Amino acid sequence: MPLYFGHSAKDMKGSDTPLVQVEDRDALGELIRGMHAGTYPRGAVVEAPPQFDVWSAFADVHVFVQAAGGLVIDEKGRLLAIRRLGKWDLPKGKVEKGEAIDEGAVREVQEECGLKEVELVELVTSTWHTYERKGKAYLKRTDWFLMRSSSKERLVAQSEEDIEEVRWLDAAGVRMMELDTYPSLLPVLHAWRARTA
């Protein structure tokens, strides 16, 4: 469920996305409770007055998690994808304390897919999402990097991370993936497609 934050959010409003006025921290708390209760299944556009930094207030009530992942292509232009818990996904994970974000992205790709040689190219996009675990609310930022690797390397799924399969996907495979992945990955795949087209 996407949330869009702004001080004049009317221009961001989609036809089926409700506009929610948030004047202070109490109203923000109501929004967050509604978000977790499923009140906004299509997301919400959050509008706040200029004197209220709604994004900082939202971040303050969550534990921040920095993650990084890879949009890895091979010499044929295919995208590396993983199947985790029955859904197609991209290799990613938490950045370790003291680790550079781009180094964490490469490490996660290597660990989750069994690759040894991975070339980092550039940052493509960043995504944010929230989740709850053991009564705590988390706000995760994932930085997505374009990478290159060889299809000659043997792919090995990291089973301890619940990865069932690792596969190189051609254009038709990526379209299939888009039908069976998390909604938060769709903008990442679109950004990758725009960079590699």
C-alpha atoms as a PDB file:
ATOM      1  CA  MET A   1       0.000   0.000   0.000  1.00  0.00           C
ATOM      2  CA  PRO A   2       1.737   3.189  -1.122  1.00  0.00           C
ATOM      3  CA  LEU A   3       1.757   6.376   0.929  1.00  0.00           C
ATOM      4  CA  TYR A   4       2.665   9.656  -0.758  1.00  0.00           C
ATOM      5  CA  PHE A   5       3.778  12.510   1.507  1.00  0.00           C
ATOM      6  CA  GLY A   6       3.637  16.203   0.703  1.00  0.00           C
ATOM      7  CA  HIS A   7       2.571  19.680   1.728  1.00  0.00           C
ATOM      8  CA  SER A   8       0.472  20.160  -1.397  1.00  0.00           C
ATOM      9  CA  ALA A   9      -0.371  16.622  -2.376  1.00  0.00           C
ATOM     10  CA  LYS A  10      -3.419  17.223  -4.568  1.00  0.00           C
ATOM     11  CA  ASP A  11      -1.353  16.840  -7.754  1.00  0.00           C
ATOM     12  CA  MET A  12      -0.227  13.365  -6.645  1.00  0.00           C
ATOM     13  CA  LYS A  13      -3.744  12.136  -5.994  1.00  0.00           C
ATOM     14  CA  GLY A  14      -4.813   9.185  -8.150  1.00  0.00           C
ATOM     15  CA  SER A  15      -8.441   8.489  -8.973  1.00  0.00           C
ATOM     16  CA  ASP A  16      -8.778   5.729  -6.362  1.00  0.00           C
ATOM     17  CA  THR A  17      -6.236   6.989  -3.820  1.00  0.00           C
ATOM     18  CA  PRO A  18      -7.755   8.868  -0.868  1.00  0.00           C
ATOM     19  CA  LEU A  19      -6.318  12.198   0.236  1.00  0.00           C
ATOM     20  CA  VAL A  20      -5.697  12.199   4.009  1.00  0.00           C
ATOM     21  CA  GLN A  21      -5.117  15.483   5.842  1.00  0.00           C
ATOM     22  CA  VAL A  22      -2.615  15.075   8.685  1.00  0.00           C
ATOM     23  CA  GLU A  23      -2.287  18.164  10.884  1.00  0.00           C
ATOM     24  CA  ASP A  24      -0.199  16.766  13.766  1.00  0.00           C
ATOM     25  CA  ARG A  25       1.290  13.647  15.386  1.00  0.00           C
ATOM     26  CA  ASP A  26      -2.103  12.503  16.729  1.00  0.00           C
ATOM     27  CA  ALA A  27      -3.600  12.521  13.233  1.00  0.00           C
ATOM     28  CA  LEU A  28      -0.502  10.742  11.951  1.00  0.00           C
ATOM     29  CA  GLY A  29      -0.979   8.062  14.621  1.00  0.00           C
ATOM     30  CA  GLU A  30      -4.556   7.553  13.411  1.00  0.00           C
ATOM     31  CA  LEU A  31      -3.312   7.209   9.835  1.00  0.00           C
ATOM     32  CA  ILE A  32      -0.700   4.615  10.837  1.00  0.00           C
ATOM     33  CA  ARG A  33      -3.254   2.599  12.823  1.00  0.00           C
ATOM     34  CA  GLY A  34      -5.608   2.734   9.839  1.00  0.00           C
ATOM     35  CA  MET A  35      -2.794   1.701   7.516  1.00  0.00           C
ATOM     36  CA  HIS A  36      -2.055  -1.409   9.587  1.00  0.00           C
ATOM     37  CA  ALA A  37      -5.774  -2.172   9.955  1.00  0.00           C
ATOM     38  CA  GLY A  38      -6.257  -2.182   6.176  1.00  0.00           C
ATOM     39  CA  THR A  39      -8.286   1.046   5.984  1.00  0.00           C
ATOM     40  CA  TYR A  40      -6.289   2.211   2.950  1.00  0.00           C
ATOM     41  CA  PRO A  41      -5.924  -0.848   0.689  1.00  0.00           C
ATOM     42  CA  ARG A  42      -4.986   1.314  -2.320  1.00  0.00           C
ATOM     43  CA  GLY A  43      -2.708   3.586  -0.327  1.00  0.00           C
ATOM     44  CA  ALA A  44      -3.151   7.220   0.554  1.00  0.00           C
ATOM     45  CA  VAL A  45      -1.886  10.648  -0.339  1.00  0.00           C
ATOM     46  CA  VAL A  46      -0.839  12.284   2.940  1.00  0.00           C
ATOM     47  CA  GLU A  47      -1.048  16.069   2.983  1.00  0.00           C
ATOM     48  CA  ALA A  48       0.315  18.121   5.882  1.00  0.00           C
ATOM     49  CA  PRO A  49       0.721  21.839   6.547  1.00  0.00           C
ATOM     50  CA  PRO A  50       4.220  23.245   5.898  1.00  0.00           C
ATOM     51  CA  GLN A  51       4.920  23.686   9.624  1.00  0.00           C
ATOM     52  CA  PHE A  52       4.482  19.919  10.236  1.00  0.00           C
ATOM     53  CA  ASP A  53       7.276  17.708   8.875  1.00  0.00           C
ATOM     54  CA  VAL A  54       5.056  14.683   8.381  1.00  0.00           C
ATOM     55  CA  TRP A  55       7.788  12.506   6.819  1.00  0.00           C
ATOM     56  CA  SER A  56      10.147  12.997   9.792  1.00  0.00           C
ATOM     57  CA  ALA A  57       7.307  12.336  12.223  1.00  0.00           C
ATOM     58  CA  PHE A  58       6.397   9.162  10.298  1.00  0.00           C
ATOM     59  CA  ALA A  59      10.022   7.990  10.337  1.00  0.00           C
ATOM     60  CA  ASP A  60      10.332   8.754  14.075  1.00  0.00           C
ATOM     61  CA  VAL A  61       7.694   6.159  15.011  1.00  0.00           C
ATOM     62  CA  HIS A  62       9.478   3.383  13.092  1.00  0.00           C
ATOM     63  CA  VAL A  63      12.755   1.539  13.523  1.00  0.00           C
ATOM     64  CA  PHE A  64      14.867   2.376  10.455  1.00  0.00           C
ATOM     65  CA  VAL A  65      16.330  -0.487   8.409  1.00  0.00           C
ATOM     66  CA  GLN A  66      18.778   0.082   5.533  1.00  0.00           C
ATOM     67  CA  ALA A  67      18.735  -2.605   2.874  1.00  0.00           C
ATOM     68  CA  ALA A  68      20.222  -2.942  -0.588  1.00  0.00           C
ATOM     69  CA  GLY A  69      19.687  -5.157  -3.582  1.00  0.00           C
ATOM     70  CA  GLY A  70      20.688  -5.884  -7.102  1.00  0.00           C
ATOM     71  CA  LEU A  71      19.210  -5.649 -10.555  1.00  0.00           C
ATOM     72  CA  VAL A  72      21.751  -8.057 -12.006  1.00  0.00           C
ATOM     73  CA  ILE A  73      22.029  -8.587 -15.757  1.00  0.00           C
ATOM     74  CA  ASP A  74      24.075 -11.149 -17.647  1.00  0.00           C
ATOM     75  CA  GLU A  75      25.832 -10.861 -21.011  1.00  0.00           C
ATOM     76  CA  LYS A  76      22.517 -11.656 -22.765  1.00  0.00           C
ATOM     77  CA  GLY A  77      20.644  -8.850 -20.986  1.00  0.00           C
ATOM     78  CA  ARG A  78      18.669 -11.246 -18.789  1.00  0.00           C
ATOM     79  CA  LEU A  79      17.666 -10.264 -15.246  1.00  0.00           C
ATOM     80  CA  LEU A  80      18.587 -12.382 -12.229  1.00  0.00           C
ATOM     81  CA  ALA A  81      15.535 -13.209 -10.100  1.00  0.00           C
ATOM     82  CA  ILE A  82      14.890 -15.335  -7.043  1.00  0.00           C
ATOM     83  CA  ARG A  83      11.817 -17.220  -5.913  1.00  0.00           C
ATOM     84  CA  ARG A  84      11.276 -16.815  -2.183  1.00  0.00           C
ATOM     85  CA  LEU A  85       8.286 -18.063  -0.213  1.00  0.00           C
ATOM     86  CA  GLY A  86       6.362 -18.747  -3.433  1.00  0.00           C
ATOM     87  CA  LYS A  87       6.856 -15.290  -4.989  1.00  0.00           C
ATOM     88  CA  TRP A  88       9.326 -13.910  -7.504  1.00  0.00           C
ATOM     89  CA  ASP A  89      11.672 -11.388  -5.947  1.00  0.00           C
ATOM     90  CA  LEU A  90      15.035  -9.722  -6.442  1.00  0.00           C
ATOM     91  CA  PRO A  91      18.125 -10.444  -4.350  1.00  0.00           C
ATOM     92  CA  LYS A  92      18.389  -7.984  -1.473  1.00  0.00           C
ATOM     93  CA  GLY A  93      18.944  -7.765   2.250  1.00  0.00           C
ATOM     94  CA  LYS A  94      19.950  -5.666   5.224  1.00  0.00           C
ATOM     95  CA  VAL A  95      23.177  -3.714   5.109  1.00  0.00           C
ATOM     96  CA  GLU A  96      25.444  -4.734   7.974  1.00  0.00           C
ATOM     97  CA  LYS A  97      26.686  -2.240  10.558  1.00  0.00           C
ATOM     98  CA  GLY A  98      29.719  -0.370   9.208  1.00  0.00           C
ATOM     99  CA  GLU A  99      29.186  -1.697   5.674  1.00  0.00           C
ATOM    100  CA  ALA A 100      28.816   0.647   2.691  1.00  0.00           C
ATOM    101  CA  ILE A 101      25.385   0.374   1.070  1.00  0.00           C
ATOM    102  CA  ASP A 102      26.739  -0.611  -2.355  1.00  0.00           C
ATOM    103  CA  GLU A 103      29.006  -3.241  -0.768  1.00  0.00           C
ATOM    104  CA  GLY A 104      25.996  -4.644   1.092  1.00  0.00           C
ATOM    105  CA  ALA A 105      24.076  -4.883  -2.175  1.00  0.00           C
ATOM    106  CA  VAL A 106      26.863  -6.885  -3.830  1.00  0.00           C
ATOM    107  CA  ARG A 107      27.270  -9.122  -0.759  1.00  0.00           C
ATOM    108  CA  GLU A 108      23.544  -9.890  -0.646  1.00  0.00           C
ATOM    109  CA  VAL A 109      23.494 -10.821  -4.354  1.00  0.00           C
ATOM    110  CA  GLN A 110      26.510 -13.073  -3.870  1.00  0.00           C
ATOM    111  CA  GLU A 111      25.067 -14.764  -0.771  1.00  0.00           C
ATOM    112  CA  GLU A 112      21.512 -15.241  -2.018  1.00  0.00           C
ATOM    113  CA  CYS A 113      22.412 -16.380  -5.547  1.00  0.00           C
ATOM    114  CA  GLY A 114      25.793 -18.064  -5.143  1.00  0.00           C
ATOM    115  CA  LEU A 115      27.577 -15.686  -7.518  1.00  0.00           C
ATOM    116  CA  LYS A 116      31.251 -14.926  -7.017  1.00  0.00           C
ATOM    117  CA  GLU A 117      31.920 -12.227  -9.624  1.00  0.00           C
ATOM    118  CA  VAL A 118      29.499  -9.288  -9.522  1.00  0.00           C
ATOM    119  CA  GLU A 119      30.271  -5.896 -11.060  1.00  0.00           C
ATOM    120  CA  LEU A 120      28.502  -2.900  -9.525  1.00  0.00           C
ATOM    121  CA  VAL A 121      27.383  -0.403 -12.194  1.00  0.00           C
ATOM    122  CA  GLU A 122      25.204   2.309 -10.623  1.00  0.00           C
ATOM    123  CA  LEU A 123      22.328   3.141  -8.301  1.00  0.00           C
ATOM    124  CA  VAL A 124      19.007   2.756 -10.134  1.00  0.00           C
ATOM    125  CA  THR A 125      16.345   3.682  -7.571  1.00  0.00           C
ATOM    126  CA  SER A 126      15.351   3.500  -3.904  1.00  0.00           C
ATOM    127  CA  THR A 127      12.158   2.175  -2.357  1.00  0.00           C
ATOM    128  CA  TRP A 128      10.616   2.473   1.092  1.00  0.00           C
ATOM    129  CA  HIS A 129       8.199   0.141   2.826  1.00  0.00           C
ATOM    130  CA  THR A 130       6.927  -0.552   6.312  1.00  0.00           C
ATOM    131  CA  TYR A 131       6.305  -3.783   8.148  1.00  0.00           C
ATOM    132  CA  GLU A 132       5.603  -4.995  11.659  1.00  0.00           C
ATOM    133  CA  ARG A 133       7.486  -7.724  13.473  1.00  0.00           C
ATOM    134  CA  LYS A 134       7.093  -8.750  17.108  1.00  0.00           C
ATOM    135  CA  GLY A 135       5.070  -5.635  17.912  1.00  0.00           C
ATOM    136  CA  LYS A 136       7.581  -3.188  16.418  1.00  0.00           C
ATOM    137  CA  ALA A 137       7.015  -1.029  13.346  1.00  0.00           C
ATOM    138  CA  TYR A 138       9.880  -0.865  10.842  1.00  0.00           C
ATOM    139  CA  LEU A 139      10.601   1.530   7.987  1.00  0.00           C
ATOM    140  CA  LYS A 140      12.893  -0.067   5.413  1.00  0.00           C
ATOM    141  CA  ARG A 141      14.762   1.800   2.696  1.00  0.00           C
ATOM    142  CA  THR A 142      16.139  -0.404  -0.074  1.00  0.00           C
ATOM    143  CA  ASP A 143      18.670   1.018  -2.519  1.00  0.00           C
ATOM    144  CA  TRP A 144      18.663  -0.878  -5.823  1.00  0.00           C
ATOM    145  CA  PHE A 145      21.850  -1.116  -7.881  1.00  0.00           C
ATOM    146  CA  LEU A 146      22.370  -2.166 -11.467  1.00  0.00           C
ATOM    147  CA  MET A 147      24.980  -4.949 -11.578  1.00  0.00           C
ATOM    148  CA  ARG A 148      26.525  -7.295 -14.124  1.00  0.00           C
ATOM    149  CA  SER A 149      27.494 -10.930 -13.796  1.00  0.00           C
ATOM    150  CA  SER A 150      28.068 -13.933 -16.025  1.00  0.00           C
ATOM    151  CA  SER A 151      25.503 -16.619 -16.759  1.00  0.00           C
ATOM    152  CA  LYS A 152      28.426 -19.069 -16.836  1.00  0.00           C
ATOM    153  CA  GLU A 153      28.567 -18.983 -13.033  1.00  0.00           C
ATOM    154  CA  ARG A 154      26.615 -21.666 -11.217  1.00  0.00           C
ATOM    155  CA  LEU A 155      23.560 -20.273  -9.410  1.00  0.00           C
ATOM    156  CA  VAL A 156      22.958 -21.540  -5.873  1.00  0.00           C
ATOM    157  CA  ALA A 157      19.804 -20.572  -3.943  1.00  0.00           C
ATOM    158  CA  GLN A 158      20.439 -19.615  -0.312  1.00  0.00           C
ATOM    159  CA  SER A 159      17.942 -21.967   1.336  1.00  0.00           C
ATOM    160  CA  GLU A 160      18.471 -20.523   4.835  1.00  0.00           C
ATOM    161  CA  GLU A 161      16.893 -17.313   3.462  1.00  0.00           C
ATOM    162  CA  ASP A 162      13.911 -19.332   2.140  1.00  0.00           C
ATOM    163  CA  ILE A 163      15.071 -18.929  -1.463  1.00  0.00           C
ATOM    164  CA  GLU A 164      13.681 -21.784  -3.537  1.00  0.00           C
ATOM    165  CA  GLU A 165      15.103 -20.902  -6.948  1.00  0.00           C
ATOM    166  CA  VAL A 166      17.512 -18.533  -8.693  1.00  0.00           C
ATOM    167  CA  ARG A 167      17.014 -17.947 -12.417  1.00  0.00           C
ATOM    168  CA  TRP A 168      18.047 -15.666 -15.279  1.00  0.00           C
ATOM    169  CA  LEU A 169      14.879 -14.206 -16.854  1.00  0.00           C
ATOM    170  CA  ASP A 170      14.554 -12.897 -20.400  1.00  0.00           C
ATOM    171  CA  ALA A 171      12.005 -10.168 -21.267  1.00  0.00           C
ATOM    172  CA  ALA A 172       9.114 -12.673 -21.309  1.00  0.00           C
ATOM    173  CA  GLY A 173      10.285 -14.072 -17.976  1.00  0.00           C
ATOM    174  CA  VAL A 174      10.351 -10.595 -16.416  1.00  0.00           C
ATOM    175  CA  ARG A 175       6.776  -9.999 -17.626  1.00  0.00           C
ATOM    176  CA  MET A 176       5.806 -13.315 -15.986  1.00  0.00           C
ATOM    177  CA  MET A 177       7.606 -12.237 -12.813  1.00  0.00           C
ATOM    178  CA  GLU A 178       5.595  -8.992 -12.708  1.00  0.00           C
ATOM    179  CA  LEU A 179       2.397 -11.065 -12.426  1.00  0.00           C
ATOM    180  CA  ASP A 180       3.697 -12.965  -9.393  1.00  0.00           C
ATOM    181  CA  THR A 181       5.769 -10.540  -7.332  1.00  0.00           C
ATOM    182  CA  TYR A 182       5.292  -7.928  -4.630  1.00  0.00           C
ATOM    183  CA  PRO A 183       3.667  -4.634  -5.719  1.00  0.00           C
ATOM    184  CA  SER A 184       6.598  -2.715  -4.208  1.00  0.00           C
ATOM    185  CA  LEU A 185       8.939  -4.317  -6.776  1.00  0.00           C
ATOM    186  CA  LEU A 186       7.013  -3.123  -9.832  1.00  0.00           C
ATOM    187  CA  PRO A 187       8.495   0.413  -9.803  1.00  0.00           C
ATOM    188  CA  VAL A 188      11.958  -1.150  -9.378  1.00  0.00           C
ATOM    189  CA  LEU A 189      11.428  -3.351 -12.437  1.00  0.00           C
ATOM    190  CA  HIS A 190      10.121  -0.365 -14.406  1.00  0.00           C
ATOM    191  CA  ALA A 191      13.196   1.689 -13.439  1.00  0.00           C
ATOM    192  CA  TRP A 192      15.451  -1.216 -14.493  1.00  0.00           C
ATOM    193  CA  ARG A 193      13.640  -1.542 -17.823  1.00  0.00           C
ATOM    194  CA  ALA A 194      14.025   2.207 -18.477  1.00  0.00           C
ATOM    195  CA  ARG A 195      17.789   1.989 -17.780  1.00  0.00           C
ATOM    196  CA  THR A 196      18.417  -1.066 -19.943  1.00  0.00           C
ATOM    197  CA  ALA A 197      16.076  -0.357 -22.882  1.00  0.00           C
END
